[in-house]
Amino acid sequence: MGNSNEGGGDDEDAFCFLLNDFLQDGWSGTATDLCNELKSKDINFSYVPATLAKQLNASIGLLKKDYGIIYDRDISTKTKLIILRRE
């Protein structure tokens, strides 16, 4: 799992697979929180919070279609929250 700027399918698939493995029912927190959680699951996970947010946005369709994961954001507060849940 790298932080390549190329929108390659392999990186996207690996990212979605890791997120699927991590997510039980639902989760919410900041991009920093999610980075820390995913790093604890996979020591090779090397995204920084900004890259993680971009990857989530790029993978929104794949996450829903192949993994049943809904990604949403709450930007109504000072802290931008990522919200993940199962369909």
Protein backbone atom coordinates (compact mmCIF):
# COMPACT_ATOMS: atom_id res chain seq x y z
CA MET A 1 0.00 0.00 0.00
CA GLY A 2 1.77 3.10 -1.17
CA ASN A 3 1.09 6.72 -1.64
CA SER A 4 1.45 6.72 -5.39
CA ASN A 5 -0.24 9.56 -7.19
CA GLU A 6 -1.21 7.25 -10.01
CA GLY A 7 -4.84 6.24 -9.89
CA GLY A 8 -3.99 2.60 -10.40
CA GLY A 9 -6.52 -0.12 -9.86
CA ASP A 10 -4.15 -2.21 -7.74
CA ASP A 11 -3.69 0.53 -5.13
CA GLU A 12 -7.43 1.23 -5.14
CA ASP A 13 -8.25 -2.46 -4.74
CA ALA A 14 -5.72 -2.89 -1.92
CA PHE A 15 -7.06 0.21 -0.18
CA CYS A 16 -10.68 -0.95 -0.48
CA PHE A 17 -9.78 -4.46 0.68
CA LEU A 18 -8.02 -3.08 3.77
CA LEU A 19 -10.91 -0.76 4.54
CA ASN A 20 -13.37 -3.64 4.13
CA ASP A 21 -11.30 -5.79 6.49
CA PHE A 22 -11.16 -2.96 9.04
CA LEU A 23 -14.81 -1.88 9.00
CA GLN A 24 -17.22 -3.89 11.13
CA ASP A 25 -20.56 -2.07 11.20
CA GLY A 26 -19.77 1.62 11.18
CA TRP A 27 -17.03 4.09 12.00
CA SER A 28 -16.60 7.84 12.21
CA GLY A 29 -13.62 10.05 12.89
CA THR A 30 -11.08 12.26 11.20
CA ALA A 31 -8.78 11.28 8.34
CA THR A 32 -5.93 11.23 10.88
CA ASP A 33 -7.90 8.83 13.09
CA LEU A 34 -8.60 6.53 10.14
CA CYS A 35 -4.95 6.59 9.04
CA ASN A 36 -3.91 5.52 12.53
CA GLU A 37 -6.53 2.75 12.61
CA LEU A 38 -5.50 1.40 9.20
CA LYS A 39 -1.79 1.56 10.09
CA SER A 40 -2.54 -0.62 13.11
CA LYS A 41 -4.12 -3.20 10.76
CA ASP A 42 -1.40 -3.03 8.09
CA ILE A 43 2.10 -1.78 8.88
CA ASN A 44 2.67 -1.16 5.17
CA PHE A 45 -0.19 1.36 5.01
CA SER A 46 1.56 4.63 4.28
CA TYR A 47 -1.11 7.17 3.33
CA VAL A 48 -1.14 10.55 5.01
CA PRO A 49 -4.56 12.00 5.94
CA ALA A 50 -4.87 14.17 2.80
CA THR A 51 -4.04 11.22 0.54
CA LEU A 52 -6.47 9.02 2.45
CA ALA A 53 -9.30 11.51 1.91
CA LYS A 54 -8.50 11.70 -1.82
CA GLN A 55 -8.44 7.91 -2.08
CA LEU A 56 -11.80 7.63 -0.31
CA ASN A 57 -13.30 10.12 -2.76
CA ALA A 58 -11.78 8.26 -5.72
CA SER A 59 -12.99 4.87 -4.44
CA ILE A 60 -16.54 5.84 -3.44
CA GLY A 61 -18.15 3.81 -6.25
CA LEU A 62 -16.00 0.71 -5.77
CA LEU A 63 -16.51 0.76 -2.01
CA LYS A 64 -20.28 0.79 -2.42
CA LYS A 65 -20.56 -1.61 -5.36
CA ASP A 66 -18.04 -4.29 -4.37
CA TYR A 67 -17.86 -3.95 -0.58
CA GLY A 68 -21.20 -2.47 0.49
CA ILE A 69 -19.46 0.42 2.24
CA ILE A 70 -21.08 3.85 2.26
CA TYR A 71 -18.71 6.79 2.65
CA ASP A 72 -20.01 10.14 3.81
CA ARG A 73 -18.54 13.29 5.31
CA ASP A 74 -19.70 15.72 7.95
CA ILE A 75 -18.11 19.10 7.41
CA SER A 76 -20.62 21.04 9.50
CA THR A 77 -18.20 21.38 12.39
CA LYS A 78 -14.63 22.62 12.59
CA THR A 79 -13.46 19.00 12.50
CA LYS A 80 -14.11 17.26 9.19
CA LEU A 81 -15.51 13.83 9.98
CA ILE A 82 -15.39 10.75 7.79
CA ILE A 83 -18.39 8.47 8.23
CA LEU A 84 -18.25 4.86 7.04
CA ARG A 85 -21.05 2.35 7.33
CA ARG A 86 -22.25 -0.88 5.81
CA GLU A 87 -25.22 -0.91 3.44
